[in-house]
Amino acid sequence: MRLCTTYFFIVTFLLFFLASCAPEPKVLPILGERTIRQGDTTYHTIRSFSFYNQDGQIIDNESLQDKIYIADFFFTHCPSICPKVTTQLKRVYDKYEDVDQVHIVSFTLDPKRDSIGRLADYAQKLEVSTDKWSFLTGPKDSIWSLAADYFSVAVDDEDAAGGINHSGRLILIDKQGRVRSYCQGTEPKSVDDFLNDIDVLLKEYH
């Protein structure tokens, strides 16, 4: 009996020890500046916006309220990084096509050329659904200003391919409109890690 009791305590101790050594579940940080007043923290969030998608429907913050979404900034005639980024975004689309909580939002940096019709043709060629992937157009100043909220950069540059110098980031936004992760959309390995971050964020809402 004493041997069984000793064995029981040893096994219990080992299980407790292993549990205490187990790594904590990964939690994504909330990125961007924050302010703390009287003990309350206010995090950086995406400002209000309202643009037209490829079907001529208005998409705004409220449209994405119950979604986590991946954002990027592109233009359809971009000859340099955009095709690479779009290829990686298609990986995101394919993985989460049946996950209602996940959406993709692509803002055009060249709304003068990227009309609603042109964005519709672009989406059709990619064979993606409007319910899952929104291509947005609107006033250039509004879109370019909004890019800063997503930690993206875009500048007119005659020497750049397509006339616009821009980053190829994919940005992950949670249901509260906060930036939780980003990656370089031209690098498949970086996108691999980004896909894992999307999974981590989804677990927060389960």
Protein backbone atom coordinates (compact mmCIF):
# COMPACT_ATOMS: atom_id res chain seq x y z
CA MET A 1 0.00 0.00 0.00
CA ARG A 2 2.85 2.38 0.89
CA LEU A 3 4.48 1.69 -2.51
CA CYS A 4 1.24 2.47 -4.35
CA THR A 5 0.81 5.70 -2.37
CA THR A 6 4.39 6.75 -3.13
CA TYR A 7 3.91 5.95 -6.81
CA PHE A 8 0.70 8.00 -6.88
CA PHE A 9 2.41 11.06 -5.42
CA ILE A 10 5.35 10.74 -7.83
CA VAL A 11 3.04 10.56 -10.85
CA THR A 12 0.97 13.48 -9.56
CA PHE A 13 4.09 15.57 -8.99
CA LEU A 14 5.40 14.81 -12.47
CA LEU A 15 2.10 15.74 -14.09
CA PHE A 16 1.97 18.99 -12.13
CA PHE A 17 5.59 19.75 -13.02
CA LEU A 18 5.03 19.11 -16.72
CA ALA A 19 1.90 21.22 -16.72
CA SER A 20 3.71 24.11 -15.05
CA CYS A 21 6.50 23.90 -17.63
CA ALA A 22 4.16 23.84 -20.61
CA PRO A 23 4.47 26.96 -22.76
CA GLU A 24 1.74 29.56 -22.38
CA PRO A 25 -0.69 29.75 -25.32
CA LYS A 26 0.45 32.40 -27.77
CA VAL A 27 -1.36 35.72 -27.52
CA LEU A 28 -0.96 38.34 -30.23
CA PRO A 29 0.07 41.82 -29.11
CA ILE A 30 -2.03 44.89 -29.80
CA LEU A 31 0.18 47.01 -32.04
CA GLY A 32 0.50 50.76 -32.31
CA GLU A 33 0.51 53.68 -29.94
CA ARG A 34 -1.61 53.58 -26.81
CA THR A 35 -2.61 56.04 -24.10
CA ILE A 36 -3.22 55.30 -20.44
CA ARG A 37 -5.47 57.60 -18.43
CA GLN A 38 -6.60 56.86 -14.91
CA GLY A 39 -5.67 53.23 -15.37
CA ASP A 40 -7.64 52.79 -18.60
CA THR A 41 -5.73 51.92 -21.78
CA THR A 42 -6.85 53.19 -25.17
CA TYR A 43 -5.33 51.34 -28.11
CA HIS A 44 -4.68 52.42 -31.66
CA THR A 45 -7.67 51.54 -33.85
CA ILE A 46 -8.53 51.96 -37.52
CA ARG A 47 -10.43 55.19 -38.14
CA SER A 48 -13.91 55.20 -39.67
CA PHE A 49 -14.02 54.69 -43.42
CA SER A 50 -16.59 54.11 -46.13
CA PHE A 51 -15.74 52.98 -49.68
CA TYR A 52 -17.33 51.08 -52.57
CA ASN A 53 -16.52 47.43 -53.26
CA GLN A 54 -16.40 45.62 -56.58
CA ASP A 55 -20.18 45.18 -56.55
CA GLY A 56 -20.87 48.86 -55.91
CA GLN A 57 -21.82 48.21 -52.29
CA ILE A 58 -20.63 50.44 -49.46
CA ILE A 59 -18.17 48.76 -47.11
CA ASP A 60 -17.34 50.49 -43.83
CA ASN A 61 -16.22 49.68 -40.32
CA GLU A 62 -19.66 48.46 -39.35
CA SER A 63 -19.63 46.00 -42.27
CA LEU A 64 -16.57 44.37 -40.68
CA GLN A 65 -17.70 44.64 -37.06
CA ASP A 66 -18.09 40.90 -36.51
CA LYS A 67 -15.05 39.94 -38.59
CA ILE A 68 -11.34 39.72 -38.19
CA TYR A 69 -9.90 40.91 -41.47
CA ILE A 70 -6.70 41.07 -43.45
CA ALA A 71 -6.00 44.37 -45.20
CA ASP A 72 -3.63 45.37 -47.97
CA PHE A 73 -3.08 48.29 -50.34
CA PHE A 74 -2.59 47.62 -54.05
CA PHE A 75 -3.57 48.71 -57.55
CA THR A 76 -4.67 46.50 -60.41
CA HIS A 77 -2.06 47.61 -62.97
CA CYS A 78 0.84 47.29 -60.50
CA PRO A 79 3.63 45.44 -62.35
CA SER A 80 5.91 44.81 -59.38
CA ILE A 81 4.95 43.57 -55.91
CA CYS A 82 1.15 43.48 -56.16
CA PRO A 83 0.92 40.23 -58.16
CA LYS A 84 3.15 38.54 -55.58
CA VAL A 85 1.10 39.88 -52.68
CA THR A 86 -2.17 38.90 -54.35
CA THR A 87 -0.84 35.36 -54.82
CA GLN A 88 -0.16 35.16 -51.09
CA LEU A 89 -3.53 36.67 -50.24
CA LYS A 90 -5.14 33.96 -52.35
CA ARG A 91 -3.52 31.47 -49.95
CA VAL A 92 -5.30 33.26 -47.11
CA TYR A 93 -8.55 33.20 -49.07
CA ASP A 94 -8.30 29.49 -49.82
CA LYS A 95 -7.49 28.54 -46.22
CA TYR A 96 -10.34 30.54 -44.66
CA GLU A 97 -12.88 30.41 -47.47
CA ASP A 98 -15.35 28.57 -45.25
CA VAL A 99 -14.59 30.52 -42.06
CA ASP A 100 -17.24 33.24 -41.83
CA GLN A 101 -15.29 35.28 -39.26
CA VAL A 102 -12.40 35.98 -41.67
CA HIS A 103 -12.55 38.60 -44.42
CA ILE A 104 -10.02 40.20 -46.78
CA VAL A 105 -10.04 43.90 -47.68
CA SER A 106 -7.89 45.30 -50.50
CA PHE A 107 -7.79 49.09 -50.88
CA THR A 108 -6.76 50.43 -54.28
CA LEU A 109 -4.09 53.12 -54.28
CA ASP A 110 -5.12 54.22 -57.78
CA PRO A 111 -8.88 54.85 -57.65
CA LYS A 112 -8.70 56.99 -60.80
CA ARG A 113 -8.03 53.85 -62.83
CA ASP A 114 -9.49 51.25 -60.50
CA SER A 115 -13.18 51.86 -60.99
CA ILE A 116 -15.83 49.57 -59.53
CA GLY A 117 -16.03 47.78 -62.86
CA ARG A 118 -12.31 47.26 -63.09
CA LEU A 119 -12.19 45.88 -59.55
CA ALA A 120 -15.08 43.55 -60.41
CA ASP A 121 -13.12 42.20 -63.39
CA TYR A 122 -10.04 41.77 -61.20
CA ALA A 123 -11.99 39.81 -58.58
CA GLN A 124 -13.60 37.69 -61.27
CA LYS A 125 -10.23 36.72 -62.72
CA LEU A 126 -9.11 35.66 -59.25
CA GLU A 127 -12.33 33.64 -58.88
CA VAL A 128 -13.04 35.04 -55.42
CA SER A 129 -16.34 35.82 -53.73
CA THR A 130 -17.42 39.33 -52.72
CA ASP A 131 -18.67 37.85 -49.44
CA LYS A 132 -15.10 36.91 -48.55
CA TRP A 133 -12.85 39.45 -50.31
CA SER A 134 -13.68 43.14 -50.77
CA PHE A 135 -11.79 45.31 -53.28
CA LEU A 136 -12.43 48.92 -52.30
CA THR A 137 -12.22 52.20 -54.18
CA GLY A 138 -12.99 55.78 -53.24
CA PRO A 139 -11.36 59.22 -52.98
CA LYS A 140 -7.59 58.91 -53.29
CA ASP A 141 -6.82 61.29 -50.42
CA SER A 142 -9.06 59.29 -48.07
CA ILE A 143 -7.51 55.95 -48.99
CA TRP A 144 -3.93 57.17 -48.84
CA SER A 145 -4.54 58.83 -45.49
CA LEU A 146 -6.15 55.66 -44.16
CA ALA A 147 -3.09 53.61 -45.14
CA ALA A 148 -1.16 55.16 -42.25
CA ASP A 149 -3.60 53.59 -39.77
CA TYR A 150 -2.55 50.19 -41.15
CA PHE A 151 1.17 51.04 -40.89
CA SER A 152 1.36 51.03 -44.69
CA VAL A 153 3.23 53.51 -46.85
CA ALA A 154 2.38 54.81 -50.31
CA VAL A 155 3.92 57.72 -52.21
CA ASP A 156 3.72 58.90 -55.80
CA ASP A 157 7.02 58.10 -57.46
CA GLU A 158 7.64 58.46 -61.19
CA ASP A 159 10.63 56.14 -60.93
CA ALA A 160 8.66 53.33 -59.23
CA ALA A 161 7.00 50.58 -61.22
CA GLY A 162 3.46 51.74 -61.93
CA GLY A 163 4.21 55.22 -60.58
CA ILE A 164 3.48 54.38 -56.93
CA ASN A 165 6.02 53.32 -54.33
CA HIS A 166 4.23 51.25 -51.69
CA SER A 167 4.74 48.53 -49.12
CA GLY A 168 3.46 45.02 -49.64
CA ARG A 169 2.28 44.40 -46.12
CA LEU A 170 -0.63 42.24 -45.08
CA ILE A 171 -2.20 43.55 -41.89
CA LEU A 172 -4.37 41.59 -39.44
CA ILE A 173 -7.19 43.51 -37.74
CA ASP A 174 -9.30 42.17 -34.88
CA LYS A 175 -13.01 42.67 -34.25
CA GLN A 176 -12.31 45.82 -32.25
CA GLY A 177 -10.49 47.42 -35.19
CA ARG A 178 -7.03 46.97 -33.64
CA VAL A 179 -3.87 45.93 -35.49
CA ARG A 180 -2.68 42.55 -34.17
CA SER A 181 -0.10 41.34 -36.70
CA TYR A 182 1.43 42.08 -40.08
CA CYS A 183 3.81 40.47 -42.54
CA GLN A 184 5.58 41.12 -45.81
CA GLY A 185 3.17 39.84 -48.42
CA THR A 186 5.89 39.17 -50.98
CA GLU A 187 7.61 36.59 -48.76
CA PRO A 188 5.88 33.18 -48.53
CA LYS A 189 7.70 32.25 -45.29
CA SER A 190 6.53 35.48 -43.66
CA VAL A 191 2.99 34.69 -44.78
CA ASP A 192 3.30 31.19 -43.26
CA ASP A 193 3.85 32.80 -39.86
CA PHE A 194 1.06 35.27 -40.55
CA LEU A 195 -1.39 32.42 -41.21
CA ASN A 196 -0.49 31.02 -37.80
CA ASP A 197 -1.23 34.43 -36.27
CA ILE A 198 -4.68 34.41 -37.88
CA ASP A 199 -5.34 31.04 -36.22
CA VAL A 200 -4.21 32.45 -32.87
CA LEU A 201 -6.53 35.44 -33.21
CA LEU A 202 -9.47 33.22 -34.15
CA LYS A 203 -8.99 31.30 -30.89
CA GLU A 204 -9.49 34.53 -28.94
CA TYR A 205 -13.09 34.59 -30.13
CA HIS A 206 -13.90 30.96 -29.34
